[in-house]
Amino acid sequence: MVMFAVIASLHWVIAAAQSAPNDPLSQQVLARVANPLLTSAQFLIPAAVAISGIHKMMEHRESGGSFMVDMVAKGGGAILVLQLVKAISGVG
């Protein structure tokens, strides 16, 4: 089921990249809406992962090593996925 979702999302991303509109309205939406949202998500998602990890450490449910693994895996993975979306959609 997970592989189906991954393959379907890849097909959607490829189709979106091939049919990127070049009209002025779409470019304005990309520049004024999509770019700020994706950029803010690049900071907010790792911050939420960090806050969640610190909260787990304070409750002694998680060690420092697992906190670092979560930060690298979840926070770094989110940044990489958002960079991929920005690159495919043509957002600066």
Protein backbone atom coordinates (compact mmCIF):
# COMPACT_ATOMS: atom_id res chain seq x y z
CA MET A 1 0.00 0.00 0.00
CA VAL A 2 2.85 2.38 0.82
CA MET A 3 4.59 1.62 -2.45
CA PHE A 4 1.37 2.38 -4.32
CA ALA A 5 1.16 5.77 -2.62
CA VAL A 6 4.81 6.55 -3.41
CA ILE A 7 4.43 5.56 -7.06
CA ALA A 8 1.18 7.51 -7.41
CA SER A 9 2.73 10.62 -5.89
CA LEU A 10 5.75 10.33 -8.19
CA HIS A 11 3.47 10.11 -11.21
CA TRP A 12 1.59 13.18 -9.98
CA VAL A 13 4.81 15.15 -9.50
CA ILE A 14 6.13 14.21 -12.93
CA ALA A 15 2.83 15.14 -14.58
CA ALA A 16 2.80 18.47 -12.76
CA ALA A 17 6.36 19.21 -13.82
CA GLN A 18 5.62 18.51 -17.46
CA SER A 19 2.57 20.75 -17.54
CA ALA A 20 3.97 23.74 -15.64
CA PRO A 21 1.99 26.83 -16.74
CA ASN A 22 3.83 29.89 -17.97
CA ASP A 23 1.04 32.45 -17.87
CA PRO A 24 1.57 35.57 -15.73
CA LEU A 25 -1.11 34.69 -13.16
CA SER A 26 0.41 31.30 -12.42
CA GLN A 27 3.86 32.83 -12.10
CA GLN A 28 2.51 35.39 -9.61
CA VAL A 29 0.85 32.65 -7.55
CA LEU A 30 4.09 30.66 -7.54
CA ALA A 31 6.12 33.70 -6.52
CA ARG A 32 3.75 35.21 -3.95
CA VAL A 33 1.99 32.20 -2.44
CA ALA A 34 3.81 28.92 -3.07
CA ASN A 35 7.35 30.13 -2.47
CA PRO A 36 6.67 31.71 0.97
CA LEU A 37 4.60 28.70 2.08
CA LEU A 38 7.24 26.18 1.08
CA THR A 39 10.03 28.27 2.59
CA SER A 40 8.21 28.67 5.89
CA ALA A 41 7.46 24.93 5.96
CA GLN A 42 11.18 24.27 5.64
CA PHE A 43 11.69 26.00 8.99
CA LEU A 44 8.50 25.03 10.79
CA ILE A 45 8.58 21.27 10.22
CA PRO A 46 12.09 20.75 11.69
CA ALA A 47 11.17 23.11 14.54
CA ALA A 48 8.10 21.00 15.34
CA VAL A 49 10.22 17.84 15.22
CA ALA A 50 12.72 19.44 17.61
CA ILE A 51 10.04 20.57 20.05
CA SER A 52 8.46 17.12 19.99
CA GLY A 53 11.85 15.46 20.59
CA ILE A 54 12.72 17.80 23.47
CA HIS A 55 9.34 17.10 25.02
CA LYS A 56 9.96 13.34 24.79
CA MET A 57 13.42 13.77 26.33
CA MET A 58 12.00 15.75 29.23
CA GLU A 59 9.54 12.95 29.94
CA HIS A 60 12.40 10.41 29.79
CA ARG A 61 10.77 8.54 26.92
CA GLU A 62 13.65 9.23 24.54
CA SER A 63 17.44 9.45 24.75
CA GLY A 64 19.69 12.07 23.23
CA GLY A 65 20.82 9.72 20.50
CA SER A 66 17.32 8.93 19.34
CA PHE A 67 16.55 12.65 19.42
CA MET A 68 19.41 13.28 16.99
CA VAL A 69 18.28 10.41 14.75
CA ASP A 70 14.76 11.85 14.66
CA MET A 71 16.07 15.32 13.85
CA VAL A 72 18.21 14.06 10.99
CA ALA A 73 15.67 11.60 9.61
CA LYS A 74 12.42 13.52 10.02
CA GLY A 75 13.61 17.13 9.95
CA GLY A 76 16.22 16.62 7.26
CA GLY A 77 13.91 14.45 5.21
CA ALA A 78 11.21 17.11 5.30
CA ILE A 79 13.67 19.73 4.08
CA LEU A 80 14.82 17.49 1.24
CA VAL A 81 11.27 16.70 0.15
CA LEU A 82 10.33 20.39 0.19
CA GLN A 83 13.43 21.24 -1.84
CA LEU A 84 12.41 18.58 -4.36
CA VAL A 85 8.90 20.02 -4.62
CA LYS A 86 10.32 23.53 -5.07
CA ALA A 87 12.74 22.37 -7.75
CA ILE A 88 10.13 20.42 -9.70
CA SER A 89 7.52 23.17 -9.56
CA GLY A 90 10.01 25.84 -10.55
CA VAL A 91 9.59 27.91 -7.39
CA GLY A 92 12.74 29.97 -6.82
